[in-house]
Amino acid sequence: MVAVYIILGLIAAALFVTFVVRAAIAAEERRKLRIEEMRSFAHGLGLDFTEQQDPYHDEHYAHFELFRQGFDRNAYNTAWGEIVHNGRTFGINCGDFTYKTRETYTTTDSKGRTQTRTRIVTHHFSYFILELNIRNIPDLLIRREGLFDRIASAFGKDDIDFESAEFSRRYFVKCDDRKFAYDLIHPRMMEFMLQTRPGLVDMENSRICLSGGYSTWPASQFAQTLDWLQRFIDHWPAFVFKDLERADHTSSPQPDRIR
């Protein structure tokens, strides 16, 4: 009888090992396929692509808070270069990003004794940065409104409100230059955003960054994100570009960084 249990145990262990190996092989195949799909997306737009890690990405884009989290930060699966849309040239840097954090947790043994331990957790997410190539654009943050925003509003710490009550209810908007925010987020822009429902739109240092900040995207979502960004730019009034370009001629040079 003991021999039967031993045999059954060995069979179960062999099945488990086979399952783990097959799962690892399938995961590696999915990773390689995604890389090739991202490479195809990049080359289709005339962009460069590398799957290698870039440890300097967080320094070049340090103004975006999501690239300053944790430690051991690296960009990878990166596509970069320039595209032309409606006669304007835009820089692109998009791909995946990883960082690590230390998290503490508590365990309790059978005798009720507790012990606090620390573990390293690795995080991954995808992002898309569009370089506007116009200097001194006011920083602008658009994100979905949350419970804490409504609580802050009750204490007078309000974001910018707009004509559309629905838009103001759904989105938190922050910008030091209120005129720029009102010029940019006009009724058609609000309707576009309500229909397409973007998450975080962070515009800093004349760059727009889109990212959920929590997970990697399917390769197809990079093309979808670029399409959204182009449509977003198409909703900018012509006079906004003219005002920014007029001011651009008198401003100091901006650091050049696409990769």
Foldseek 3Di string as FASTA:
>chain_A
DVVVVVVVVVVVVVVVVVVVVVVVVVVVVLVVVQLVLLCCVQVVQPWDWFQDWDQCVCVVPVVDPLSVPADPKTFGRWTWDWHADPNAIKTKIWGKMKHKHKDKDWDADPVGDIDIDIDIDMFMWIKIKIARPFFDDWKKKKAFDDPVQVVVVVVVPHADDDPDPVLSNTIGMHTPPVVLVPQLCDPVLSVLCVVVVFGIWTADRRMTMGIPSGHYDRSVVVVVVVVSVSVSVVSRDPVSVVVRNVVRVVDDDDDDDTD
